[in-house]
Amino acid sequence: MVVLSDPAAGAGSGAVAPLVADALFPSVHLRAEDFRRAVRRGYVAPDRPEARRQNVTALAATAQAAFAFASGGYQVVVEGSVAPTALDAFRRESRATGAALHYVVLNGGVVLNARAAAGGGAAAAGGPATDDAEVTADTVLAGLRRGAYLLGW
């Protein structure tokens, strides 16, 4: 299970996530934004303070769906803004299902590893991301094979 986070709009996860998912088998690509946009009445722009409940609920639903697929044997790539402080829903589901959790952050042209993304380690895993989504996807896949993005519970 991979969470490919894009904390800044335009950092590239929209182009990279489908490529990563297409390289895995069997695979599923989920967009966290789709879960937030599923709210039909009462939707609040996610950057507003009053959107907290909506954002937390949508993220929990994303995590539950992702780990349901993972429990069924799928490699899951979740695309969206998932700050390190919001990973609790994914960690809970990882513990409950026993499925591994990898956290990849595309930030400022660099693919960060899990420790760096969580604020406590080396700066980059696999080198710089480029404007070329395929090169970035290859960097992410190489890091996944090495376990560079694996998070503990």
C-alpha atoms as a PDB file:
ATOM      1  CA  MET A   1       0.000   0.000   0.000  1.00  0.00           C
ATOM      2  CA  VAL A   2       1.470   3.324  -1.075  1.00  0.00           C
ATOM      3  CA  VAL A   3       0.337   6.814  -0.161  1.00  0.00           C
ATOM      4  CA  LEU A   4       1.711   9.256  -2.714  1.00  0.00           C
ATOM      5  CA  SER A   5       1.287  12.677  -1.191  1.00  0.00           C
ATOM      6  CA  ASP A   6       1.306  16.000  -2.972  1.00  0.00           C
ATOM      7  CA  PRO A   7       1.388  18.656  -0.234  1.00  0.00           C
ATOM      8  CA  ALA A   8       1.698  21.495  -2.731  1.00  0.00           C
ATOM      9  CA  ALA A   9      -0.578  21.688  -5.742  1.00  0.00           C
ATOM     10  CA  GLY A  10       1.398  20.950  -8.859  1.00  0.00           C
ATOM     11  CA  ALA A  11       4.072  18.836  -7.159  1.00  0.00           C
ATOM     12  CA  GLY A  12       3.261  16.033  -9.573  1.00  0.00           C
ATOM     13  CA  SER A  13       1.311  13.263  -7.848  1.00  0.00           C
ATOM     14  CA  GLY A  14      -1.535  13.560 -10.369  1.00  0.00           C
ATOM     15  CA  ALA A  15       0.791  12.505 -13.174  1.00  0.00           C
ATOM     16  CA  VAL A  16       3.001  10.152 -11.141  1.00  0.00           C
ATOM     17  CA  ALA A  17       0.405   8.127  -9.192  1.00  0.00           C
ATOM     18  CA  PRO A  18      -1.216   6.485 -12.248  1.00  0.00           C
ATOM     19  CA  LEU A  19       2.228   5.548 -13.591  1.00  0.00           C
ATOM     20  CA  VAL A  20       3.223   3.975 -10.265  1.00  0.00           C
ATOM     21  CA  ALA A  21      -0.086   2.086 -10.089  1.00  0.00           C
ATOM     22  CA  ASP A  22       0.301   0.889 -13.697  1.00  0.00           C
ATOM     23  CA  ALA A  23       3.736  -0.556 -12.846  1.00  0.00           C
ATOM     24  CA  LEU A  24       2.349  -2.620  -9.952  1.00  0.00           C
ATOM     25  CA  PHE A  25       0.224  -5.764 -10.306  1.00  0.00           C
ATOM     26  CA  PRO A  26      -2.540  -6.158  -9.429  1.00  0.00           C
ATOM     27  CA  SER A  27      -3.112  -2.520  -8.617  1.00  0.00           C
ATOM     28  CA  VAL A  28      -5.641   0.124  -7.676  1.00  0.00           C
ATOM     29  CA  HIS A  29      -5.271   3.910  -7.923  1.00  0.00           C
ATOM     30  CA  LEU A  30      -7.409   5.955  -5.514  1.00  0.00           C
ATOM     31  CA  ARG A  31      -7.608   9.747  -5.404  1.00  0.00           C
ATOM     32  CA  ALA A  32      -8.238  11.127  -1.909  1.00  0.00           C
ATOM     33  CA  GLU A  33      -9.876  14.163  -3.491  1.00  0.00           C
ATOM     34  CA  ASP A  34     -12.603  11.918  -4.950  1.00  0.00           C
ATOM     35  CA  PHE A  35     -13.606  10.883  -1.419  1.00  0.00           C
ATOM     36  CA  ARG A  36     -13.783  14.507  -0.295  1.00  0.00           C
ATOM     37  CA  ARG A  37     -15.763  15.484  -3.408  1.00  0.00           C
ATOM     38  CA  ALA A  38     -18.242  12.666  -2.705  1.00  0.00           C
ATOM     39  CA  VAL A  39     -19.915  15.019  -0.209  1.00  0.00           C
ATOM     40  CA  ARG A  40     -22.879  16.338  -2.177  1.00  0.00           C
ATOM     41  CA  ARG A  41     -24.659  18.630   0.267  1.00  0.00           C
ATOM     42  CA  GLY A  42     -22.751  20.475   2.920  1.00  0.00           C
ATOM     43  CA  TYR A  43     -19.433  20.363   1.081  1.00  0.00           C
ATOM     44  CA  VAL A  44     -16.920  22.850   2.481  1.00  0.00           C
ATOM     45  CA  ALA A  45     -13.781  23.935   0.647  1.00  0.00           C
ATOM     46  CA  PRO A  46     -11.034  21.801   2.233  1.00  0.00           C
ATOM     47  CA  ASP A  47      -8.836  24.765   3.153  1.00  0.00           C
ATOM     48  CA  ARG A  48     -11.492  26.348   5.383  1.00  0.00           C
ATOM     49  CA  PRO A  49     -11.316  25.802   9.170  1.00  0.00           C
ATOM     50  CA  GLU A  50     -14.884  24.457   9.261  1.00  0.00           C
ATOM     51  CA  ALA A  51     -13.896  21.681   6.808  1.00  0.00           C
ATOM     52  CA  ARG A  52     -11.968  19.753   9.455  1.00  0.00           C
ATOM     53  CA  ARG A  53     -14.682  17.151  10.134  1.00  0.00           C
ATOM     54  CA  GLN A  54     -15.265  16.660   6.412  1.00  0.00           C
ATOM     55  CA  ASN A  55     -11.542  16.300   5.698  1.00  0.00           C
ATOM     56  CA  VAL A  56     -10.939  13.851   8.551  1.00  0.00           C
ATOM     57  CA  THR A  57     -13.966  11.764   7.561  1.00  0.00           C
ATOM     58  CA  ALA A  58     -13.006  11.682   3.868  1.00  0.00           C
ATOM     59  CA  LEU A  59      -9.436  10.709   4.729  1.00  0.00           C
ATOM     60  CA  ALA A  60     -10.667   7.897   7.004  1.00  0.00           C
ATOM     61  CA  ALA A  61     -12.924   6.649   4.187  1.00  0.00           C
ATOM     62  CA  THR A  62      -9.983   6.780   1.776  1.00  0.00           C
ATOM     63  CA  ALA A  63      -7.832   4.763   4.177  1.00  0.00           C
ATOM     64  CA  GLN A  64     -10.559   2.179   4.768  1.00  0.00           C
ATOM     65  CA  ALA A  65     -11.159   1.717   1.046  1.00  0.00           C
ATOM     66  CA  ALA A  66      -7.434   1.522   0.329  1.00  0.00           C
ATOM     67  CA  PHE A  67      -6.820  -1.152   2.933  1.00  0.00           C
ATOM     68  CA  ALA A  68      -9.901  -3.103   1.852  1.00  0.00           C
ATOM     69  CA  PHE A  69      -8.268  -3.387  -1.581  1.00  0.00           C
ATOM     70  CA  ALA A  70      -4.883  -4.142   0.020  1.00  0.00           C
ATOM     71  CA  SER A  71      -6.478  -6.925   2.085  1.00  0.00           C
ATOM     72  CA  GLY A  72      -7.777  -8.359  -1.190  1.00  0.00           C
ATOM     73  CA  GLY A  73      -4.242  -8.618  -2.529  1.00  0.00           C
ATOM     74  CA  TYR A  74      -4.053  -5.394  -4.513  1.00  0.00           C
ATOM     75  CA  GLN A  75      -1.169  -2.943  -4.555  1.00  0.00           C
ATOM     76  CA  VAL A  76      -2.864   0.369  -3.771  1.00  0.00           C
ATOM     77  CA  VAL A  77      -1.626   3.823  -4.702  1.00  0.00           C
ATOM     78  CA  VAL A  78      -3.435   6.637  -2.919  1.00  0.00           C
ATOM     79  CA  GLU A  79      -2.941  10.067  -4.459  1.00  0.00           C
ATOM     80  CA  GLY A  80      -3.625  13.190  -2.432  1.00  0.00           C
ATOM     81  CA  SER A  81      -2.537  15.661   0.175  1.00  0.00           C
ATOM     82  CA  VAL A  82      -1.895  13.561   3.253  1.00  0.00           C
ATOM     83  CA  ALA A  83       0.201  15.484   5.749  1.00  0.00           C
ATOM     84  CA  PRO A  84       2.305  13.425   8.169  1.00  0.00           C
ATOM     85  CA  THR A  85      -0.004  14.528  10.988  1.00  0.00           C
ATOM     86  CA  ALA A  86      -2.981  13.066   9.089  1.00  0.00           C
ATOM     87  CA  LEU A  87      -1.489   9.600   8.618  1.00  0.00           C
ATOM     88  CA  ASP A  88      -3.150   8.168  11.726  1.00  0.00           C
ATOM     89  CA  ALA A  89      -6.121   6.819   9.737  1.00  0.00           C
ATOM     90  CA  PHE A  90      -3.744   4.972   7.416  1.00  0.00           C
ATOM     91  CA  ARG A  91      -1.614   3.694  10.304  1.00  0.00           C
ATOM     92  CA  ARG A  92      -4.730   2.367  12.085  1.00  0.00           C
ATOM     93  CA  GLU A  93      -5.825   0.496   8.968  1.00  0.00           C
ATOM     94  CA  SER A  94      -2.300  -0.814   8.416  1.00  0.00           C
ATOM     95  CA  ARG A  95      -2.223  -2.214  11.961  1.00  0.00           C
ATOM     96  CA  ALA A  96      -5.713  -3.683  11.635  1.00  0.00           C
ATOM     97  CA  THR A  97      -5.035  -5.417   8.317  1.00  0.00           C
ATOM     98  CA  GLY A  98      -1.314  -6.137   8.613  1.00  0.00           C
ATOM     99  CA  ALA A  99      -0.718  -4.537   5.203  1.00  0.00           C
ATOM    100  CA  ALA A 100       2.446  -2.479   4.824  1.00  0.00           C
ATOM    101  CA  LEU A 101       2.211   1.289   4.551  1.00  0.00           C
ATOM    102  CA  HIS A 102       4.592   3.295   2.385  1.00  0.00           C
ATOM    103  CA  TYR A 103       4.465   7.101   2.445  1.00  0.00           C
ATOM    104  CA  VAL A 104       5.962   9.038  -0.457  1.00  0.00           C
ATOM    105  CA  VAL A 105       6.012  12.822  -0.585  1.00  0.00           C
ATOM    106  CA  LEU A 106       6.588  14.782  -3.765  1.00  0.00           C
ATOM    107  CA  ASN A 107       7.756  18.117  -2.487  1.00  0.00           C
ATOM    108  CA  GLY A 108       9.590  20.877  -4.278  1.00  0.00           C
ATOM    109  CA  GLY A 109      11.009  18.586  -6.937  1.00  0.00           C
ATOM    110  CA  VAL A 110      12.324  15.991  -4.466  1.00  0.00           C
ATOM    111  CA  VAL A 111      10.914  12.570  -3.661  1.00  0.00           C
ATOM    112  CA  LEU A 112      11.215  12.348   0.119  1.00  0.00           C
ATOM    113  CA  ASN A 113      11.545   9.169   2.102  1.00  0.00           C
ATOM    114  CA  ALA A 114       9.246   8.289   4.979  1.00  0.00           C
ATOM    115  CA  ARG A 115      11.543   9.515   7.766  1.00  0.00           C
ATOM    116  CA  ALA A 116      12.251  12.783   6.002  1.00  0.00           C
ATOM    117  CA  ALA A 117       8.572  13.277   5.207  1.00  0.00           C
ATOM    118  CA  ALA A 118       7.717  12.741   8.859  1.00  0.00           C
ATOM    119  CA  GLY A 119      10.353  15.284   9.824  1.00  0.00           C
ATOM    120  CA  GLY A 120      13.139  13.103  11.059  1.00  0.00           C
ATOM    121  CA  GLY A 121      15.712  11.901   8.613  1.00  0.00           C
ATOM    122  CA  ALA A 122      17.634  12.090   5.420  1.00  0.00           C
ATOM    123  CA  ALA A 123      16.545  14.635   2.844  1.00  0.00           C
ATOM    124  CA  ALA A 124      15.845  12.528  -0.200  1.00  0.00           C
ATOM    125  CA  ALA A 125      15.343   8.959  -1.317  1.00  0.00           C
ATOM    126  CA  GLY A 126      16.347   8.255  -4.842  1.00  0.00           C
ATOM    127  CA  GLY A 127      17.277  11.732  -5.949  1.00  0.00           C
ATOM    128  CA  PRO A 128      15.401  14.632  -7.384  1.00  0.00           C
ATOM    129  CA  ALA A 129      12.061  14.384  -9.052  1.00  0.00           C
ATOM    130  CA  THR A 130      11.969  16.069 -12.412  1.00  0.00           C
ATOM    131  CA  ASP A 131       9.264  17.528 -14.567  1.00  0.00           C
ATOM    132  CA  ASP A 132       9.211  14.143 -16.265  1.00  0.00           C
ATOM    133  CA  ALA A 133       6.532  12.071 -14.514  1.00  0.00           C
ATOM    134  CA  GLU A 134       8.003   8.821 -15.829  1.00  0.00           C
ATOM    135  CA  VAL A 135      11.407   9.538 -14.280  1.00  0.00           C
ATOM    136  CA  THR A 136       9.744  10.462 -10.991  1.00  0.00           C
ATOM    137  CA  ALA A 137       7.602   7.298 -11.083  1.00  0.00           C
ATOM    138  CA  ASP A 138      10.745   5.216 -11.685  1.00  0.00           C
ATOM    139  CA  THR A 139      12.394   6.936  -8.700  1.00  0.00           C
ATOM    140  CA  VAL A 140       9.371   6.120  -6.535  1.00  0.00           C
ATOM    141  CA  LEU A 141       9.286   2.496  -7.701  1.00  0.00           C
ATOM    142  CA  ALA A 142      13.004   2.051  -7.009  1.00  0.00           C
ATOM    143  CA  GLY A 143      12.504   3.483  -3.517  1.00  0.00           C
ATOM    144  CA  LEU A 144       9.572   1.127  -2.904  1.00  0.00           C
ATOM    145  CA  ARG A 145      11.728  -1.867  -3.844  1.00  0.00           C
ATOM    146  CA  ARG A 146      14.378  -0.713  -1.334  1.00  0.00           C
ATOM    147  CA  GLY A 147      11.788  -0.065   1.393  1.00  0.00           C
ATOM    148  CA  ALA A 148      12.775   3.613   1.528  1.00  0.00           C
ATOM    149  CA  TYR A 149       9.227   4.823   2.187  1.00  0.00           C
ATOM    150  CA  LEU A 150       8.036   2.146   4.608  1.00  0.00           C
ATOM    151  CA  LEU A 151       6.376   3.521   7.729  1.00  0.00           C
ATOM    152  CA  GLY A 152       6.114   1.686  11.001  1.00  0.00           C
ATOM    153  CA  TRP A 153       2.972   1.697  13.049  1.00  0.00           C
END
